[in-house]
Amino acid sequence: MSLDRHLNKGTRKILTWAQQHPIELINYNYQKYDPFFNINTKDDLKKAKKFEIFIITQIQYLLEVKALKYCYLYYQLRHSYSDNKNF
């Protein structure tokens, strides 16, 4: 039964609707932060802000590493070309 039909019948429990459908459990192994973290309290909001700072820091780090790799690759290609242009 579609969710719309289920709701139109007046049922409001999502579990009642979900039990009519096959499910598969998936184990999300997370190390530091829960990917399905809910913000319900002020403490949860503080944790979410820390997580946001952590994620932004990780992204910035990865971008810097990628930029350094490209610079190094460019350097190597440039020197490889200049070393071999006499051939």
N, C-alpha and C. Protein backbone atom coordinates (compact mmCIF):
# COMPACT_ATOMS: atom_id res chain seq x y z
N MET A 1 0.84 -1.17 0.00
CA MET A 1 0.00 0.00 0.00
C MET A 1 0.90 1.24 0.00
N SER A 2 0.51 2.22 -0.83
CA SER A 2 1.33 3.43 -0.87
C SER A 2 1.16 4.22 0.42
N LEU A 3 2.11 5.05 0.68
CA LEU A 3 2.05 5.87 1.89
C LEU A 3 0.86 6.82 1.84
N ASP A 4 0.57 7.36 0.68
CA ASP A 4 -0.59 8.26 0.56
C ASP A 4 -1.87 7.55 0.94
N ARG A 5 -2.08 6.35 0.41
CA ARG A 5 -3.30 5.60 0.74
C ARG A 5 -3.34 5.28 2.23
N HIS A 6 -2.22 4.93 2.76
CA HIS A 6 -2.12 4.61 4.18
C HIS A 6 -2.53 5.81 5.03
N LEU A 7 -2.02 6.98 4.68
CA LEU A 7 -2.35 8.20 5.42
C LEU A 7 -3.81 8.59 5.23
N ASN A 8 -4.31 8.41 4.01
CA ASN A 8 -5.71 8.75 3.73
C ASN A 8 -6.68 7.86 4.51
N LYS A 9 -6.24 6.65 4.88
CA LYS A 9 -7.07 5.77 5.70
C LYS A 9 -7.12 6.25 7.15
N GLY A 10 -6.27 7.21 7.49
CA GLY A 10 -6.27 7.76 8.84
C GLY A 10 -5.19 7.21 9.75
N THR A 11 -4.41 6.27 9.25
CA THR A 11 -3.33 5.71 10.07
C THR A 11 -2.16 6.68 10.06
N ARG A 12 -1.60 6.91 11.23
CA ARG A 12 -0.48 7.86 11.33
C ARG A 12 0.82 7.21 11.77
N LYS A 13 0.79 5.94 12.10
CA LYS A 13 2.01 5.27 12.54
C LYS A 13 2.80 4.80 11.31
N ILE A 14 3.98 5.32 11.16
CA ILE A 14 4.82 4.93 10.03
C ILE A 14 5.21 3.46 10.10
N LEU A 15 5.35 2.94 11.32
CA LEU A 15 5.72 1.53 11.47
C LEU A 15 4.63 0.60 10.94
N THR A 16 3.37 1.00 11.10
CA THR A 16 2.27 0.20 10.56
C THR A 16 2.40 0.09 9.04
N TRP A 17 2.72 1.20 8.40
CA TRP A 17 2.92 1.19 6.95
C TRP A 17 4.19 0.41 6.58
N ALA A 18 5.27 0.63 7.32
CA ALA A 18 6.55 0.00 7.00
C ALA A 18 6.48 -1.52 7.13
N GLN A 19 5.67 -2.01 8.07
CA GLN A 19 5.57 -3.47 8.26
C GLN A 19 4.93 -4.17 7.08
N GLN A 20 4.30 -3.43 6.19
CA GLN A 20 3.68 -4.01 5.00
C GLN A 20 4.69 -4.16 3.86
N HIS A 21 5.90 -3.75 4.07
CA HIS A 21 6.93 -3.76 3.01
C HIS A 21 8.14 -4.55 3.48
N PRO A 22 8.76 -5.27 2.55
CA PRO A 22 9.98 -5.99 2.95
C PRO A 22 11.07 -4.98 3.34
N ILE A 23 11.83 -5.35 4.35
CA ILE A 23 12.90 -4.45 4.79
C ILE A 23 14.22 -5.21 4.80
N GLU A 24 15.26 -4.46 4.74
CA GLU A 24 16.61 -5.01 4.84
C GLU A 24 17.38 -4.12 5.81
N LEU A 25 17.97 -4.73 6.79
CA LEU A 25 18.76 -3.96 7.74
C LEU A 25 20.16 -3.74 7.18
N ILE A 26 20.63 -2.55 7.33
CA ILE A 26 21.97 -2.20 6.86
C ILE A 26 22.76 -1.70 8.07
N ASN A 27 23.93 -2.26 8.26
CA ASN A 27 24.78 -1.86 9.37
C ASN A 27 25.71 -0.75 8.89
N TYR A 28 25.50 0.44 9.41
CA TYR A 28 26.38 1.56 9.09
C TYR A 28 27.45 1.62 10.16
N ASN A 29 28.63 1.21 9.80
CA ASN A 29 29.74 1.29 10.75
C ASN A 29 30.32 2.70 10.68
N TYR A 30 30.17 3.42 11.72
CA TYR A 30 30.74 4.75 11.78
C TYR A 30 31.67 4.81 12.98
N GLN A 31 32.73 5.55 12.81
CA GLN A 31 33.75 5.56 13.85
C GLN A 31 33.58 6.72 14.81
N LYS A 32 33.45 7.90 14.29
CA LYS A 32 33.46 9.07 15.18
C LYS A 32 32.06 9.68 15.35
N TYR A 33 31.30 9.75 14.27
CA TYR A 33 30.01 10.41 14.33
C TYR A 33 28.94 9.54 13.67
N ASP A 34 27.75 9.58 14.24
CA ASP A 34 26.60 8.87 13.71
C ASP A 34 26.07 9.64 12.50
N PRO A 35 26.01 9.02 11.31
CA PRO A 35 25.53 9.75 10.12
C PRO A 35 24.05 10.11 10.20
N PHE A 36 23.32 9.50 11.15
CA PHE A 36 21.90 9.79 11.30
C PHE A 36 21.63 10.53 12.62
N PHE A 37 22.58 11.31 13.04
CA PHE A 37 22.49 12.06 14.29
C PHE A 37 21.32 13.04 14.24
N ASN A 38 20.49 13.03 15.27
CA ASN A 38 19.36 13.95 15.37
C ASN A 38 19.67 15.05 16.37
N ILE A 39 19.19 16.23 16.07
CA ILE A 39 19.37 17.37 16.97
C ILE A 39 18.04 17.61 17.67
N ASN A 40 18.00 17.26 18.95
CA ASN A 40 16.78 17.41 19.73
C ASN A 40 16.95 18.29 20.96
N THR A 41 18.18 18.49 21.38
CA THR A 41 18.44 19.27 22.59
C THR A 41 19.56 20.27 22.31
N LYS A 42 19.79 21.15 23.27
CA LYS A 42 20.89 22.11 23.12
C LYS A 42 22.24 21.38 23.10
N ASP A 43 22.36 20.32 23.88
CA ASP A 43 23.60 19.52 23.87
C ASP A 43 23.80 18.87 22.50
N ASP A 44 22.71 18.39 21.89
CA ASP A 44 22.81 17.81 20.56
C ASP A 44 23.28 18.86 19.56
N LEU A 45 22.78 20.09 19.70
CA LEU A 45 23.19 21.17 18.81
C LEU A 45 24.67 21.48 18.97
N LYS A 46 25.17 21.46 20.20
CA LYS A 46 26.60 21.67 20.44
C LYS A 46 27.42 20.57 19.76
N LYS A 47 26.96 19.32 19.89
CA LYS A 47 27.66 18.20 19.23
C LYS A 47 27.65 18.37 17.72
N ALA A 48 26.51 18.80 17.18
CA ALA A 48 26.39 18.98 15.73
C ALA A 48 27.34 20.08 15.24
N LYS A 49 27.47 21.14 16.01
CA LYS A 49 28.38 22.22 15.62
C LYS A 49 29.83 21.73 15.63
N LYS A 50 30.18 20.91 16.63
CA LYS A 50 31.53 20.33 16.66
C LYS A 50 31.75 19.44 15.45
N PHE A 51 30.74 18.66 15.12
CA PHE A 51 30.82 17.78 13.95
C PHE A 51 31.00 18.59 12.68
N GLU A 52 30.26 19.69 12.57
CA GLU A 52 30.38 20.55 11.39
C GLU A 52 31.80 21.09 11.25
N ILE A 53 32.37 21.54 12.35
CA ILE A 53 33.74 22.06 12.33
C ILE A 53 34.71 20.95 11.92
N PHE A 54 34.50 19.75 12.46
CA PHE A 54 35.35 18.61 12.12
C PHE A 54 35.27 18.32 10.62
N ILE A 55 34.06 18.27 10.07
CA ILE A 55 33.88 17.96 8.65
C ILE A 55 34.53 19.04 7.78
N ILE A 56 34.29 20.30 8.11
CA ILE A 56 34.88 21.39 7.33
C ILE A 56 36.40 21.32 7.37
N THR A 57 36.96 21.03 8.53
CA THR A 57 38.41 20.90 8.66
C THR A 57 38.93 19.76 7.81
N GLN A 58 38.23 18.64 7.81
CA GLN A 58 38.65 17.49 7.00
C GLN A 58 38.59 17.81 5.51
N ILE A 59 37.54 18.48 5.09
CA ILE A 59 37.41 18.84 3.67
C ILE A 59 38.52 19.80 3.27
N GLN A 60 38.79 20.80 4.10
CA GLN A 60 39.87 21.75 3.80
C GLN A 60 41.20 21.02 3.69
N TYR A 61 41.45 20.11 4.61
CA TYR A 61 42.69 19.34 4.58
C TYR A 61 42.80 18.54 3.28
N LEU A 62 41.72 17.85 2.92
CA LEU A 62 41.74 17.04 1.70
C LEU A 62 41.95 17.89 0.46
N LEU A 63 41.34 19.07 0.43
CA LEU A 63 41.53 19.97 -0.71
C LEU A 63 42.98 20.45 -0.79
N GLU A 64 43.57 20.75 0.35
CA GLU A 64 44.97 21.18 0.37
C GLU A 64 45.88 20.06 -0.09
N VAL A 65 45.64 18.84 0.36
CA VAL A 65 46.45 17.70 -0.06
C VAL A 65 46.32 17.49 -1.56
N LYS A 66 45.09 17.60 -2.06
CA LYS A 66 44.87 17.41 -3.49
C LYS A 66 45.59 18.50 -4.29
N ALA A 67 45.53 19.74 -3.80
CA ALA A 67 46.21 20.84 -4.48
C ALA A 67 47.72 20.60 -4.49
N LEU A 68 48.27 20.12 -3.36
CA LEU A 68 49.70 19.84 -3.32
C LEU A 68 50.07 18.71 -4.28
N LYS A 69 49.21 17.70 -4.37
CA LYS A 69 49.48 16.60 -5.31
C LYS A 69 49.49 17.10 -6.74
N TYR A 70 48.54 17.99 -7.08
CA TYR A 70 48.51 18.54 -8.43
C TYR A 70 49.73 19.40 -8.71
N CYS A 71 50.14 20.19 -7.71
CA CYS A 71 51.35 21.01 -7.88
C CYS A 71 52.57 20.12 -8.10
N TYR A 72 52.67 19.05 -7.33
CA TYR A 72 53.79 18.14 -7.46
C TYR A 72 53.75 17.45 -8.83
N LEU A 73 52.57 17.02 -9.26
CA LEU A 73 52.43 16.37 -10.56
C LEU A 73 52.81 17.34 -11.67
N TYR A 74 52.33 18.58 -11.57
CA TYR A 74 52.67 19.59 -12.55
C TYR A 74 54.18 19.81 -12.59
N TYR A 75 54.80 19.91 -11.42
CA TYR A 75 56.24 20.10 -11.32
C TYR A 75 56.97 18.94 -12.01
N GLN A 76 56.55 17.73 -11.71
CA GLN A 76 57.20 16.56 -12.31
C GLN A 76 57.02 16.52 -13.82
N LEU A 77 55.82 16.80 -14.28
CA LEU A 77 55.57 16.80 -15.72
C LEU A 77 56.38 17.90 -16.41
N ARG A 78 56.42 19.05 -15.78
CA ARG A 78 57.16 20.18 -16.36
C ARG A 78 58.65 19.85 -16.49
N HIS A 79 59.22 19.26 -15.42
CA HIS A 79 60.63 18.91 -15.47
C HIS A 79 60.89 17.72 -16.37
N SER A 80 59.97 16.82 -16.43
CA SER A 80 60.11 15.67 -17.32
C SER A 80 60.12 16.14 -18.77
N TYR A 81 59.23 17.08 -19.09
CA TYR A 81 59.17 17.61 -20.45
C TYR A 81 60.44 18.38 -20.78
N SER A 82 60.91 19.23 -19.86
CA SER A 82 62.10 20.02 -20.15
C SER A 82 63.35 19.15 -20.23
N ASP A 83 63.38 18.04 -19.47
CA ASP A 83 64.52 17.13 -19.54
C ASP A 83 64.55 16.34 -20.83
N ASN A 84 63.39 16.06 -21.38
CA ASN A 84 63.29 15.21 -22.56
C ASN A 84 63.08 15.97 -23.86
N LYS A 85 63.04 17.27 -23.86
CA LYS A 85 62.74 18.00 -25.09
C LYS A 85 63.90 17.96 -26.08
N ASN A 86 65.08 17.54 -25.66
CA ASN A 86 66.21 17.43 -26.58
C ASN A 86 66.10 16.20 -27.47
N PHE A 87 65.20 15.25 -27.11
CA PHE A 87 65.09 14.03 -27.91
C PHE A 87 64.44 14.28 -29.20
